[in-house]
Amino acid sequence: MATILNIETSGKTCSVALTREGVLEFDLENSDGMKHAELLAPFVERAMEEVKRKEWKLDAVAVSIGPGSYTGLRIGLSLAKGLAFSLGVPLIGVSTLKILAVKAMFRNFNFTGEEILVPMIDARRMEVFTGAYDFSLKALEGPAPMILDKNSYGTLLVDREVWFMGDGAVKAKDVIKSPNAHWMDGLNPMAKDMLALSEKAFREGDFLDIAYSVPEYLKEYQTTTPKCKI
């Protein structure tokens, strides 16, 4: 087990969590809009003060690497890289989709383990970033961007219960109609939900290259041309 600082900035919530030996020791979060650039550094500073106060040694920095908000991911990864480099500790990248899947596993204790977990992160219009996972977190489909329609995940829904979660799943409710489709509302990725994934990565030595790692956007950033040119 290890002492790990977890950073999650892929969505509307900015959050930081300090975990030690598989236990959540300290966390901060703010969901008042995209204030990551303003809040993340002070959150990290307070977490590091806790490490110092308890005379611990930080063993790694973990950060959600996407998919999600392009700006949020860049802010989170940039700070995580700088902190890991300055402290000389490994950098761990955690899939935002897997964060949601693991959170869902711990939310419903009636799961048999045969269900399929489909996290969805909202993108433009009817598009989501998504993937389908079994309970070992093996990807059955994706991760990839998807434009939702009535046939989305139709093959998986034939004979398996499929649970959808995340802010993108709200849009899917209107188009995916199947008795095997189930919905888990109110799930957003948080730093404290990264605990199991970041611990596993640390044990297995699954680290990012601090110099060259980039967020997993899943698609290229799209810019728009302003209508009014000055």
Protein backbone atom coordinates (compact mmCIF):
# COMPACT_ATOMS: atom_id res chain seq x y z
CA MET A 1 0.00 0.00 0.00
CA ALA A 2 1.07 3.58 -0.55
CA THR A 3 0.32 7.23 0.14
CA ILE A 4 -1.09 8.69 -3.06
CA LEU A 5 -2.38 12.13 -3.98
CA ASN A 6 -5.32 11.77 -6.39
CA ILE A 7 -6.43 14.61 -8.69
CA GLU A 8 -9.69 14.65 -10.68
CA THR A 9 -10.54 17.57 -13.00
CA SER A 10 -12.21 15.90 -15.99
CA GLY A 11 -15.66 17.39 -15.38
CA LYS A 12 -17.42 20.19 -13.54
CA THR A 13 -16.06 19.13 -10.16
CA CYS A 14 -12.53 19.93 -9.06
CA SER A 15 -11.42 17.41 -6.46
CA VAL A 16 -8.32 16.18 -4.65
CA ALA A 17 -8.01 13.16 -2.36
CA LEU A 18 -5.20 11.82 -0.24
CA THR A 19 -5.26 8.04 0.22
CA ARG A 20 -3.00 5.91 2.38
CA GLU A 21 -2.90 2.13 2.65
CA GLY A 22 -6.22 1.85 0.83
CA VAL A 23 -8.01 4.34 3.09
CA LEU A 24 -9.30 7.81 2.24
CA GLU A 25 -7.49 10.19 4.61
CA PHE A 26 -8.33 13.65 3.24
CA ASP A 27 -10.36 15.10 0.38
CA LEU A 28 -11.55 18.40 -1.00
CA GLU A 29 -14.04 19.04 -3.79
CA ASN A 30 -15.89 21.93 -5.39
CA SER A 31 -18.72 21.60 -7.93
CA ASP A 32 -19.45 25.29 -8.49
CA GLY A 33 -18.57 25.29 -12.18
CA MET A 34 -15.26 25.14 -14.00
CA LYS A 35 -13.00 26.78 -11.41
CA HIS A 36 -10.20 24.24 -11.71
CA ALA A 37 -7.49 26.77 -12.61
CA GLU A 38 -8.39 28.76 -9.49
CA LEU A 39 -8.97 25.93 -7.02
CA LEU A 40 -6.71 23.03 -7.88
CA ALA A 41 -3.39 24.42 -6.66
CA PRO A 42 -4.79 25.49 -3.24
CA PHE A 43 -6.48 22.08 -2.88
CA VAL A 44 -3.20 20.30 -3.58
CA GLU A 45 -1.35 22.59 -1.19
CA ARG A 46 -3.76 21.72 1.62
CA ALA A 47 -3.38 18.01 0.89
CA MET A 48 0.40 18.31 1.01
CA GLU A 49 0.14 20.15 4.32
CA GLU A 50 -1.71 17.10 5.63
CA VAL A 51 1.11 14.84 4.41
CA LYS A 52 3.64 17.02 6.20
CA ARG A 53 1.55 17.30 9.38
CA LYS A 54 1.29 13.51 9.69
CA GLU A 55 4.97 13.05 8.73
CA TRP A 56 4.15 10.80 5.80
CA LYS A 57 6.04 10.36 2.57
CA LEU A 58 4.09 10.81 -0.65
CA ASP A 59 4.66 7.77 -2.87
CA ALA A 60 2.87 8.83 -6.07
CA VAL A 61 0.61 11.37 -7.74
CA ALA A 62 -2.44 10.04 -9.62
CA VAL A 63 -4.52 12.07 -12.07
CA SER A 64 -7.58 11.39 -14.19
CA ILE A 65 -6.42 11.48 -17.80
CA GLY A 66 -9.76 11.50 -19.59
CA PRO A 67 -11.84 11.54 -21.50
CA GLY A 68 -13.57 14.68 -20.34
CA SER A 69 -13.23 18.44 -20.43
CA TYR A 70 -10.23 19.35 -22.57
CA THR A 71 -9.37 22.33 -20.38
CA GLY A 72 -9.94 20.49 -17.12
CA LEU A 73 -7.76 17.57 -18.17
CA ARG A 74 -4.91 19.86 -19.21
CA ILE A 75 -5.03 21.71 -15.89
CA GLY A 76 -5.05 18.51 -13.85
CA LEU A 77 -2.29 16.75 -15.76
CA SER A 78 -0.05 19.82 -15.87
CA LEU A 79 -0.15 20.28 -12.12
CA ALA A 80 0.23 16.54 -11.48
CA LYS A 81 3.29 16.40 -13.74
CA GLY A 82 4.93 19.34 -12.02
CA LEU A 83 4.30 17.93 -8.56
CA ALA A 84 5.49 14.42 -9.42
CA PHE A 85 8.65 15.79 -11.06
CA SER A 86 9.47 18.13 -8.19
CA LEU A 87 8.99 15.41 -5.56
CA GLY A 88 10.65 12.67 -7.60
CA VAL A 89 7.65 10.32 -7.34
CA PRO A 90 5.81 8.30 -10.03
CA LEU A 91 2.89 9.71 -11.99
CA ILE A 92 -0.22 7.53 -12.39
CA GLY A 93 -2.87 8.08 -15.05
CA VAL A 94 -6.40 6.86 -14.35
CA SER A 95 -9.15 6.53 -16.97
CA THR A 96 -12.15 8.72 -16.17
CA LEU A 97 -14.46 6.07 -17.62
CA LYS A 98 -13.01 3.44 -15.29
CA ILE A 99 -13.40 5.80 -12.33
CA LEU A 100 -17.14 5.92 -13.07
CA ALA A 101 -17.35 2.16 -13.56
CA VAL A 102 -15.65 1.44 -10.23
CA LYS A 103 -17.86 3.99 -8.48
CA ALA A 104 -20.91 2.20 -9.88
CA MET A 105 -19.63 -1.16 -8.59
CA PHE A 106 -19.52 0.20 -5.04
CA ARG A 107 -22.87 1.98 -5.37
CA ASN A 108 -24.98 -1.13 -6.08
CA PHE A 109 -24.38 -4.09 -3.78
CA ASN A 110 -26.94 -6.23 -5.59
CA PHE A 111 -24.75 -6.68 -8.66
CA THR A 112 -24.02 -10.30 -9.53
CA GLY A 113 -20.86 -9.49 -11.47
CA GLU A 114 -22.37 -10.51 -14.79
CA GLU A 115 -23.64 -7.03 -15.62
CA ILE A 116 -21.95 -4.71 -18.10
CA LEU A 117 -20.99 -1.21 -16.95
CA VAL A 118 -21.22 1.64 -19.47
CA PRO A 119 -19.94 5.01 -18.24
CA MET A 120 -20.82 7.97 -20.45
CA ILE A 121 -19.28 11.43 -20.39
CA ASP A 122 -21.25 14.20 -22.05
CA ALA A 123 -19.87 15.69 -25.25
CA ARG A 124 -21.50 17.87 -27.90
CA ARG A 125 -25.13 17.37 -28.93
CA MET A 126 -25.94 13.62 -28.94
CA GLU A 127 -22.30 12.59 -28.62
CA VAL A 128 -20.70 10.97 -25.58
CA PHE A 129 -17.33 9.54 -24.64
CA THR A 130 -18.00 5.99 -23.56
CA GLY A 131 -16.87 2.42 -23.19
CA ALA A 132 -18.36 -0.86 -22.00
CA TYR A 133 -16.64 -2.81 -19.20
CA ASP A 134 -17.08 -6.07 -17.37
CA PHE A 135 -16.39 -6.39 -13.65
CA SER A 136 -12.69 -7.01 -14.23
CA LEU A 137 -12.67 -3.66 -16.08
CA LYS A 138 -11.91 -5.38 -19.36
CA ALA A 139 -13.14 -3.17 -22.20
CA LEU A 140 -15.86 -4.95 -24.18
CA GLU A 141 -16.33 -1.92 -26.44
CA GLY A 142 -14.42 1.35 -26.73
CA PRO A 143 -13.36 3.60 -25.17
CA ALA A 144 -14.38 5.94 -27.96
CA PRO A 145 -16.64 8.85 -28.87
CA MET A 146 -20.15 7.75 -29.82
CA ILE A 147 -23.15 9.52 -31.36
CA LEU A 148 -26.12 8.03 -29.54
CA ASP A 149 -29.00 6.42 -31.41
CA LYS A 150 -31.48 3.59 -30.83
CA ASN A 151 -28.88 0.99 -31.85
CA SER A 152 -26.18 2.09 -29.40
CA TYR A 153 -24.88 -0.95 -27.47
CA GLY A 154 -27.67 -3.00 -29.03
CA THR A 155 -25.53 -6.13 -29.29
CA LEU A 156 -24.62 -6.09 -25.61
CA LEU A 157 -28.23 -5.47 -24.57
CA VAL A 158 -29.52 -8.65 -26.23
CA ASP A 159 -28.72 -11.01 -23.35
CA ARG A 160 -26.93 -9.01 -20.65
CA GLU A 161 -28.03 -6.38 -18.17
CA VAL A 162 -26.28 -3.14 -19.04
CA TRP A 163 -25.97 -0.31 -16.54
CA PHE A 164 -25.40 3.23 -17.81
CA MET A 165 -23.95 6.00 -15.64
CA GLY A 166 -22.30 9.42 -15.89
CA ASP A 167 -23.56 12.80 -17.09
CA GLY A 168 -23.74 11.56 -20.69
CA ALA A 169 -26.15 8.78 -19.76
CA VAL A 170 -28.94 11.33 -19.33
CA LYS A 171 -29.06 11.75 -23.11
CA ALA A 172 -28.97 8.00 -23.66
CA LYS A 173 -32.20 7.50 -21.73
CA ASP A 174 -34.15 9.13 -24.52
CA VAL A 175 -32.85 6.87 -27.29
CA ILE A 176 -31.83 3.51 -25.80
CA LYS A 177 -34.94 1.45 -25.13
CA SER A 178 -34.40 -2.07 -23.83
CA PRO A 179 -35.60 -4.09 -20.83
CA ASN A 180 -31.93 -4.87 -20.16
CA ALA A 181 -30.96 -1.17 -19.97
CA HIS A 182 -30.64 0.25 -16.45
CA TRP A 183 -29.61 3.67 -15.25
CA MET A 184 -27.58 4.85 -12.30
CA ASP A 185 -28.14 8.56 -11.78
CA GLY A 186 -25.99 11.10 -9.99
CA LEU A 187 -22.57 9.56 -10.60
CA ASN A 188 -19.75 11.99 -11.31
CA PRO A 189 -16.03 11.19 -11.14
CA MET A 190 -14.33 12.35 -7.95
CA ALA A 191 -10.75 12.06 -6.73
CA LYS A 192 -11.82 9.86 -3.83
CA ASP A 193 -13.27 7.37 -6.33
CA MET A 194 -9.78 6.85 -7.80
CA LEU A 195 -8.49 5.01 -4.73
CA ALA A 196 -8.74 1.40 -5.96
CA LEU A 197 -7.47 2.21 -9.45
CA SER A 198 -4.50 4.30 -8.37
CA GLU A 199 -3.51 1.72 -5.72
CA LYS A 200 -3.62 -1.04 -8.33
CA ALA A 201 -1.52 0.97 -10.77
CA PHE A 202 1.04 1.68 -8.05
CA ARG A 203 1.33 -2.00 -7.08
CA GLU A 204 1.80 -2.99 -10.72
CA GLY A 205 4.24 -0.17 -11.50
CA ASP A 206 1.91 1.20 -14.17
CA PHE A 207 3.24 4.76 -14.41
CA LEU A 208 3.08 7.55 -16.97
CA ASP A 209 6.05 9.19 -18.61
CA ILE A 210 6.14 12.57 -16.87
CA ALA A 211 7.65 14.32 -19.87
CA TYR A 212 5.57 12.92 -22.71
CA SER A 213 2.20 11.83 -21.31
CA VAL A 214 -0.91 13.60 -22.61
CA PRO A 215 -4.63 13.43 -21.75
CA GLU A 216 -6.80 10.81 -23.44
CA TYR A 217 -9.10 13.16 -25.29
CA LEU A 218 -10.42 10.36 -27.61
CA LYS A 219 -10.98 12.95 -30.35
CA GLU A 220 -9.30 16.08 -31.61
CA TYR A 221 -10.18 19.40 -30.05
CA GLN A 222 -12.57 21.35 -32.28
CA THR A 223 -12.44 25.11 -32.54
CA THR A 224 -15.08 27.40 -33.99
CA THR A 225 -14.67 30.55 -36.04
CA PRO A 226 -16.27 33.65 -34.48
CA LYS A 227 -19.10 35.14 -36.52
CA CYS A 228 -18.01 38.69 -35.75
CA LYS A 229 -14.47 39.43 -36.84
CA ILE A 230 -12.82 42.49 -35.33
